PDB file of N, CA and C in Angstrom:
ATOM      1  N   MET A   1     132.689 158.291 178.775  1.00  0.00           N
ATOM      2  CA  MET A   1     131.729 158.252 179.935  1.00  0.00           C
ATOM      3  C   MET A   1     132.406 157.803 181.183  1.00  0.00           C
ATOM      4  N   THR A   2     132.466 158.467 182.134  1.00  0.00           N
ATOM      5  CA  THR A   2     133.002 158.205 183.338  1.00  0.00           C
ATOM      6  C   THR A   2     132.011 157.165 184.101  1.00  0.00           C
ATOM      7  N   GLU A   3     132.806 156.236 184.863  1.00  0.00           N
ATOM      8  CA  GLU A   3     132.014 155.333 185.623  1.00  0.00           C
ATOM      9  C   GLU A   3     131.723 155.967 187.030  1.00  0.00           C
ATOM     10  N   LYS A   4     130.583 155.432 187.558  1.00  0.00           N
ATOM     11  CA  LYS A   4     130.159 155.958 188.822  1.00  0.00           C
ATOM     12  C   LYS A   4     130.330 154.722 189.785  1.00  0.00           C
ATOM     13  N   TYR A   5     130.916 154.965 190.728  1.00  0.00           N
ATOM     14  CA  TYR A   5     131.124 153.756 191.756  1.00  0.00           C
ATOM     15  C   TYR A   5     130.171 153.939 193.076  1.00  0.00           C
ATOM     16  N   ARG A   6     130.007 152.846 193.724  1.00  0.00           N
ATOM     17  CA  ARG A   6     129.145 152.898 195.012  1.00  0.00           C
ATOM     18  C   ARG A   6     129.773 153.740 195.912  1.00  0.00           C
ATOM     19  N   SER A   7     131.169 153.625 196.059  1.00  0.00           N
ATOM     20  CA  SER A   7     131.916 154.316 197.105  1.00  0.00           C
ATOM     21  C   SER A   7     133.328 154.469 196.585  1.00  0.00           C
ATOM     22  N   GLU A   8     134.017 155.269 197.368  1.00  0.00           N
ATOM     23  CA  GLU A   8     135.556 155.407 196.929  1.00  0.00           C
ATOM     24  C   GLU A   8     136.352 154.267 197.034  1.00  0.00           C
ATOM     25  N   ALA A   9     136.039 153.387 198.176  1.00  0.00           N
ATOM     26  CA  ALA A   9     136.758 152.239 198.470  1.00  0.00           C
ATOM     27  C   ALA A   9     136.473 151.244 197.251  1.00  0.00           C
ATOM     28  N   LEU A  10     135.165 151.046 196.835  1.00  0.00           N
ATOM     29  CA  LEU A  10     135.000 150.248 195.679  1.00  0.00           C
ATOM     30  C   LEU A  10     135.468 150.669 194.390  1.00  0.00           C
ATOM     31  N   ALA A  11     135.713 151.962 194.269  1.00  0.00           N
ATOM     32  CA  ALA A  11     136.336 152.493 193.047  1.00  0.00           C
ATOM     33  C   ALA A  11     138.019 152.003 193.144  1.00  0.00           C
ATOM     34  N   ALA A  12     138.448 152.060 194.297  1.00  0.00           N
ATOM     35  CA  ALA A  12     139.889 151.610 194.214  1.00  0.00           C
ATOM     36  C   ALA A  12     139.935 150.217 193.870  1.00  0.00           C
ATOM     37  N   ILE A  13     138.975 149.390 194.518  1.00  0.00           N
ATOM     38  CA  ILE A  13     139.069 147.961 194.310  1.00  0.00           C
ATOM     39  C   ILE A  13     138.792 147.584 192.817  1.00  0.00           C
ATOM     40  N   HIS A  14     137.873 148.186 192.307  1.00  0.00           N
ATOM     41  CA  HIS A  14     137.519 148.067 190.818  1.00  0.00           C
ATOM     42  C   HIS A  14     138.619 148.425 189.858  1.00  0.00           C
ATOM     43  N   GLU A  15     139.223 149.588 190.081  1.00  0.00           N
ATOM     44  CA  GLU A  15     140.373 149.949 189.462  1.00  0.00           C
ATOM     45  C   GLU A  15     141.739 148.943 189.344  1.00  0.00           C
ATOM     46  N   THR A  16     141.810 148.505 190.603  1.00  0.00           N
ATOM     47  CA  THR A  16     142.829 147.434 190.579  1.00  0.00           C
ATOM     48  C   THR A  16     142.459 146.117 189.938  1.00  0.00           C
ATOM     49  N   MET A  17     141.236 145.670 190.054  1.00  0.00           N
ATOM     50  CA  MET A  17     140.782 144.503 189.347  1.00  0.00           C
ATOM     51  C   MET A  17     140.829 144.850 187.730  1.00  0.00           C
ATOM     52  N   GLU A  18     140.606 145.905 187.315  1.00  0.00           N
ATOM     53  CA  GLU A  18     140.662 146.271 185.843  1.00  0.00           C
ATOM     54  C   GLU A  18     142.111 146.060 185.442  1.00  0.00           C
ATOM     55  N   ALA A  19     143.059 146.497 186.321  1.00  0.00           N
ATOM     56  CA  ALA A  19     144.440 146.257 185.949  1.00  0.00           C
ATOM     57  C   ALA A  19     144.800 144.959 185.596  1.00  0.00           C
ATOM     58  N   LEU A  20     144.239 144.191 186.772  1.00  0.00           N
ATOM     59  CA  LEU A  20     144.772 142.640 186.757  1.00  0.00           C
ATOM     60  C   LEU A  20     143.964 141.983 185.522  1.00  0.00           C
ATOM     61  N   HIS A  21     142.742 142.468 185.122  1.00  0.00           N
ATOM     62  CA  HIS A  21     142.042 141.940 183.939  1.00  0.00           C
ATOM     63  C   HIS A  21     142.957 142.230 182.786  1.00  0.00           C
ATOM     64  N   GLU A  22     143.511 143.500 182.620  1.00  0.00           N
ATOM     65  CA  GLU A  22     144.212 143.944 181.399  1.00  0.00           C
ATOM     66  C   GLU A  22     145.476 143.052 181.211  1.00  0.00           C
ATOM     67  N   VAL A  23     145.986 142.557 182.363  1.00  0.00           N
ATOM     68  CA  VAL A  23     147.242 141.712 182.174  1.00  0.00           C
ATOM     69  C   VAL A  23     146.999 140.296 182.265  1.00  0.00           C
ATOM     70  N   GLY A  24     145.602 139.847 182.228  1.00  0.00           N
ATOM     71  CA  GLY A  24     145.262 138.562 182.192  1.00  0.00           C
ATOM     72  C   GLY A  24     145.177 137.732 183.575  1.00  0.00           C
ATOM     73  N   ALA A  25     145.382 138.344 184.650  1.00  0.00           N
ATOM     74  CA  ALA A  25     145.297 137.723 185.900  1.00  0.00           C
ATOM     75  C   ALA A  25     143.885 137.367 186.369  1.00  0.00           C
ATOM     76  N   ILE A  26     142.911 138.079 185.850  1.00  0.00           N
ATOM     77  CA  ILE A  26     141.517 137.613 186.092  1.00  0.00           C
ATOM     78  C   ILE A  26     140.708 137.540 184.830  1.00  0.00           C
ATOM     79  N   ASP A  27     139.792 136.643 184.738  1.00  0.00           N
ATOM     80  CA  ASP A  27     138.992 136.465 183.564  1.00  0.00           C
ATOM     81  C   ASP A  27     137.848 137.437 183.364  1.00  0.00           C
ATOM     82  N   LYS A  28     137.161 137.408 182.186  1.00  0.00           N
ATOM     83  CA  LYS A  28     136.123 138.357 181.899  1.00  0.00           C
ATOM     84  C   LYS A  28     135.016 138.109 182.856  1.00  0.00           C
ATOM     85  N   GLN A  29     134.564 136.981 183.227  1.00  0.00           N
ATOM     86  CA  GLN A  29     133.517 136.664 184.111  1.00  0.00           C
ATOM     87  C   GLN A  29     133.725 137.208 185.474  1.00  0.00           C
ATOM     88  N   THR A  30     134.997 137.198 186.113  1.00  0.00           N
ATOM     89  CA  THR A  30     135.182 137.789 187.248  1.00  0.00           C
ATOM     90  C   THR A  30     135.118 139.235 187.289  1.00  0.00           C
ATOM     91  N   MET A  31     135.580 139.857 186.150  1.00  0.00           N
ATOM     92  CA  MET A  31     135.542 141.230 186.026  1.00  0.00           C
ATOM     93  C   MET A  31     134.015 141.770 186.030  1.00  0.00           C
ATOM     94  N   ARG A  32     133.135 140.958 185.270  1.00  0.00           N
ATOM     95  CA  ARG A  32     131.749 141.190 185.334  1.00  0.00           C
ATOM     96  C   ARG A  32     131.146 141.259 186.575  1.00  0.00           C
ATOM     97  N   GLU A  33     131.655 140.372 187.481  1.00  0.00           N
ATOM     98  CA  GLU A  33     131.238 140.314 188.991  1.00  0.00           C
ATOM     99  C   GLU A  33     131.720 141.486 189.721  1.00  0.00           C
ATOM    100  N   PHE A  34     132.970 141.911 189.564  1.00  0.00           N
ATOM    101  CA  PHE A  34     133.327 143.161 190.238  1.00  0.00           C
ATOM    102  C   PHE A  34     132.627 144.366 189.680  1.00  0.00           C
ATOM    103  N   ASP A  35     132.275 144.353 188.328  1.00  0.00           N
ATOM    104  CA  ASP A  35     131.627 145.449 187.719  1.00  0.00           C
ATOM    105  C   ASP A  35     130.191 145.641 188.556  1.00  0.00           C
ATOM    106  N   GLU A  36     129.570 144.298 188.681  1.00  0.00           N
ATOM    107  CA  GLU A  36     128.242 144.501 189.320  1.00  0.00           C
ATOM    108  C   GLU A  36     128.139 144.863 190.876  1.00  0.00           C
ATOM    109  N   ALA A  37     129.319 144.450 191.553  1.00  0.00           N
ATOM    110  CA  ALA A  37     129.517 144.742 192.868  1.00  0.00           C
ATOM    111  C   ALA A  37     129.994 146.221 193.197  1.00  0.00           C
ATOM    112  N   CYS A  38     130.683 146.686 192.205  1.00  0.00           N
ATOM    113  CA  CYS A  38     131.448 148.126 192.456  1.00  0.00           C
ATOM    114  C   CYS A  38     130.810 149.238 191.854  1.00  0.00           C
ATOM    115  N   LEU A  39     130.199 149.049 190.575  1.00  0.00           N
ATOM    116  CA  LEU A  39     129.663 150.218 189.814  1.00  0.00           C
ATOM    117  C   LEU A  39     128.142 150.387 190.278  1.00  0.00           C
ATOM    118  N   ALA A  40     127.812 151.600 190.383  1.00  0.00           N
ATOM    119  CA  ALA A  40     126.443 152.198 190.771  1.00  0.00           C
ATOM    120  C   ALA A  40     125.521 151.649 189.676  1.00  0.00           C
ATOM    121  N   PRO A  41     124.163 151.409 189.884  1.00  0.00           N
ATOM    122  CA  PRO A  41     123.343 151.090 188.886  1.00  0.00           C
ATOM    123  C   PRO A  41     123.094 152.258 187.927  1.00  0.00           C
ATOM    124  N   VAL A  42     122.902 151.870 186.696  1.00  0.00           N
ATOM    125  CA  VAL A  42     122.455 152.893 185.686  1.00  0.00           C
ATOM    126  C   VAL A  42     121.106 153.246 185.645  1.00  0.00           C
ATOM    127  N   ARG A  43     120.756 154.606 185.721  1.00  0.00           N
ATOM    128  CA  ARG A  43     119.333 155.056 185.716  1.00  0.00           C
ATOM    129  C   ARG A  43     118.815 154.920 184.390  1.00  0.00           C
ATOM    130  N   VAL A  44     117.610 154.294 184.255  1.00  0.00           N
ATOM    131  CA  VAL A  44     116.881 154.238 182.947  1.00  0.00           C
ATOM    132  C   VAL A  44     116.267 155.577 182.493  1.00  0.00           C
ATOM    133  N   LEU A  45     116.609 156.029 181.258  1.00  0.00           N
ATOM    134  CA  LEU A  45     116.169 157.313 180.807  1.00  0.00           C
ATOM    135  C   LEU A  45     114.911 157.004 180.023  1.00  0.00           C
ATOM    136  N   SER A  46     113.905 157.995 179.958  1.00  0.00           N
ATOM    137  CA  SER A  46     112.675 157.909 179.270  1.00  0.00           C
ATOM    138  C   SER A  46     113.199 158.304 178.006  1.00  0.00           C
ATOM    139  N   PRO A  47     112.207 157.988 176.962  1.00  0.00           N
ATOM    140  CA  PRO A  47     112.368 158.439 175.570  1.00  0.00           C
ATOM    141  C   PRO A  47     112.673 159.928 175.398  1.00  0.00           C
ATOM    142  N   GLU A  48     111.700 160.654 176.181  1.00  0.00           N
ATOM    143  CA  GLU A  48     111.807 162.231 176.242  1.00  0.00           C
ATOM    144  C   GLU A  48     113.087 162.633 176.742  1.00  0.00           C
ATOM    145  N   GLU A  49     113.666 162.112 177.785  1.00  0.00           N
ATOM    146  CA  GLU A  49     114.984 162.449 178.372  1.00  0.00           C
ATOM    147  C   GLU A  49     116.043 162.181 177.239  1.00  0.00           C
ATOM    148  N   ILE A  50     115.947 161.151 176.472  1.00  0.00           N
ATOM    149  CA  ILE A  50     117.087 160.812 175.491  1.00  0.00           C
ATOM    150  C   ILE A  50     116.822 161.887 174.342  1.00  0.00           C
ATOM    151  N   LYS A  51     115.660 162.138 174.029  1.00  0.00           N
ATOM    152  CA  LYS A  51     115.564 163.161 173.002  1.00  0.00           C
ATOM    153  C   LYS A  51     116.102 164.497 173.306  1.00  0.00           C
ATOM    154  N   LEU A  52     115.817 164.909 174.563  1.00  0.00           N
ATOM    155  CA  LEU A  52     116.426 166.112 175.117  1.00  0.00           C
ATOM    156  C   LEU A  52     117.948 166.184 175.130  1.00  0.00           C
ATOM    157  N   ILE A  53     118.566 165.038 175.405  1.00  0.00           N
ATOM    158  CA  ILE A  53     120.056 164.947 175.220  1.00  0.00           C
ATOM    159  C   ILE A  53     120.326 165.388 173.907  1.00  0.00           C
ATOM    160  N   ARG A  54     119.708 164.411 173.003  1.00  0.00           N
ATOM    161  CA  ARG A  54     120.092 164.667 171.523  1.00  0.00           C
ATOM    162  C   ARG A  54     119.999 165.974 170.920  1.00  0.00           C
ATOM    163  N   ILE A  55     118.821 166.663 171.444  1.00  0.00           N
ATOM    164  CA  ILE A  55     118.674 168.041 170.918  1.00  0.00           C
ATOM    165  C   ILE A  55     119.645 168.926 171.647  1.00  0.00           C
ATOM    166  N   ARG A  56     119.928 168.861 172.829  1.00  0.00           N
ATOM    167  CA  ARG A  56     120.848 169.683 173.696  1.00  0.00           C
ATOM    168  C   ARG A  56     122.177 169.649 173.036  1.00  0.00           C
ATOM    169  N   GLU A  57     122.670 168.466 172.407  1.00  0.00           N
ATOM    170  CA  GLU A  57     123.892 168.256 171.861  1.00  0.00           C
ATOM    171  C   GLU A  57     124.022 168.520 170.357  1.00  0.00           C
ATOM    172  N   HIS A  58     122.793 168.971 169.772  1.00  0.00           N
ATOM    173  CA  HIS A  58     122.799 169.341 168.369  1.00  0.00           C
ATOM    174  C   HIS A  58     123.083 168.200 167.614  1.00  0.00           C
ATOM    175  N   LEU A  59     122.396 167.035 167.823  1.00  0.00           N
ATOM    176  CA  LEU A  59     122.853 165.911 166.965  1.00  0.00           C
ATOM    177  C   LEU A  59     121.615 165.394 166.231  1.00  0.00           C
ATOM    178  N   SER A  60     121.716 165.123 164.863  1.00  0.00           N
ATOM    179  CA  SER A  60     120.684 164.400 164.256  1.00  0.00           C
ATOM    180  C   SER A  60     120.491 163.094 164.862  1.00  0.00           C
ATOM    181  N   GLN A  61     119.374 162.450 164.442  1.00  0.00           N
ATOM    182  CA  GLN A  61     118.966 161.159 165.002  1.00  0.00           C
ATOM    183  C   GLN A  61     120.058 160.119 164.404  1.00  0.00           C
ATOM    184  N   SER A  62     120.577 160.241 163.141  1.00  0.00           N
ATOM    185  CA  SER A  62     121.454 159.320 162.503  1.00  0.00           C
ATOM    186  C   SER A  62     122.783 159.427 163.268  1.00  0.00           C
ATOM    187  N   VAL A  63     123.345 160.793 163.559  1.00  0.00           N
ATOM    188  CA  VAL A  63     124.594 160.811 164.232  1.00  0.00           C
ATOM    189  C   VAL A  63     124.614 160.336 165.766  1.00  0.00           C
ATOM    190  N   PHE A  64     123.362 160.656 166.279  1.00  0.00           N
ATOM    191  CA  PHE A  64     123.264 160.064 167.675  1.00  0.00           C
ATOM    192  C   PHE A  64     123.212 158.615 167.790  1.00  0.00           C
ATOM    193  N   ALA A  65     122.573 158.010 166.779  1.00  0.00           N
ATOM    194  CA  ALA A  65     122.524 156.393 166.748  1.00  0.00           C
ATOM    195  C   ALA A  65     123.925 156.068 166.632  1.00  0.00           C
ATOM    196  N   ARG A  66     124.731 156.661 165.790  1.00  0.00           N
ATOM    197  CA  ARG A  66     126.186 156.211 165.448  1.00  0.00           C
ATOM    198  C   ARG A  66     126.984 156.162 166.750  1.00  0.00           C
ATOM    199  N   TYR A  67     126.801 157.338 167.578  1.00  0.00           N
ATOM    200  CA  TYR A  67     127.469 157.441 168.837  1.00  0.00           C
ATOM    201  C   TYR A  67     127.090 156.444 169.830  1.00  0.00           C
ATOM    202  N   LEU A  68     125.793 155.950 169.718  1.00  0.00           N
ATOM    203  CA  LEU A  68     125.489 154.930 170.593  1.00  0.00           C
ATOM    204  C   LEU A  68     125.564 153.479 170.092  1.00  0.00           C
ATOM    205  N   ASN A  69     126.080 153.433 168.736  1.00  0.00           N
ATOM    206  CA  ASN A  69     126.339 152.136 168.196  1.00  0.00           C
ATOM    207  C   ASN A  69     124.926 151.368 167.967  1.00  0.00           C
ATOM    208  N   VAL A  70     123.862 152.060 167.533  1.00  0.00           N
ATOM    209  CA  VAL A  70     122.573 151.524 167.385  1.00  0.00           C
ATOM    210  C   VAL A  70     122.008 151.924 165.975  1.00  0.00           C
ATOM    211  N   SER A  71     121.215 151.264 165.442  1.00  0.00           N
ATOM    212  CA  SER A  71     120.412 151.787 164.310  1.00  0.00           C
ATOM    213  C   SER A  71     119.689 153.055 164.513  1.00  0.00           C
ATOM    214  N   LYS A  72     119.422 153.970 163.304  1.00  0.00           N
ATOM    215  CA  LYS A  72     118.484 155.052 163.426  1.00  0.00           C
ATOM    216  C   LYS A  72     117.280 154.775 163.898  1.00  0.00           C
ATOM    217  N   ASN A  73     116.750 153.535 163.546  1.00  0.00           N
ATOM    218  CA  ASN A  73     115.300 153.171 163.761  1.00  0.00           C
ATOM    219  C   ASN A  73     115.221 153.092 165.213  1.00  0.00           C
ATOM    220  N   ILE A  74     116.123 152.490 165.976  1.00  0.00           N
ATOM    221  CA  ILE A  74     116.023 152.521 167.497  1.00  0.00           C
ATOM    222  C   ILE A  74     115.808 153.983 167.959  1.00  0.00           C
ATOM    223  N   VAL A  75     116.658 154.917 167.579  1.00  0.00           N
ATOM    224  CA  VAL A  75     116.535 156.294 168.000  1.00  0.00           C
ATOM    225  C   VAL A  75     115.282 156.962 167.686  1.00  0.00           C
ATOM    226  N   SER A  76     114.858 156.656 166.325  1.00  0.00           N
ATOM    227  CA  SER A  76     113.592 157.346 165.899  1.00  0.00           C
ATOM    228  C   SER A  76     112.431 156.822 166.415  1.00  0.00           C
ATOM    229  N   ASP A  77     112.415 155.477 166.706  1.00  0.00           N
ATOM    230  CA  ASP A  77     111.229 154.878 167.601  1.00  0.00           C
ATOM    231  C   ASP A  77     111.006 155.340 168.912  1.00  0.00           C
ATOM    232  N   ASN A  78     112.071 155.964 169.565  1.00  0.00           N
ATOM    233  CA  ASN A  78     111.845 156.348 170.946  1.00  0.00           C
ATOM    234  C   ASN A  78     111.810 157.809 170.971  1.00  0.00           C
ATOM    235  N   ARG A  79     111.210 158.535 170.050  1.00  0.00           N
ATOM    236  CA  ARG A  79     111.075 159.830 170.151  1.00  0.00           C
ATOM    237  C   ARG A  79     110.457 160.260 171.233  1.00  0.00           C
TER     238      ARG A  79
END
């Protein structure tokens, strides 16, 4: 999944901070703060939208749940 940034400038800053985090120059908490500042908010999907994605991709509930790293019950409860 590609990340969406609030702007091109924030994308450049965030990518630099990711590199610094990978080499240990900044800690996880600081990286979370940069995530919050630079990444665009995630849009919440309705259960119907989630179901349509699963159907469009021709995935069973079990396989879709594995992709999302959640239990099948979570997927099936939100039909």
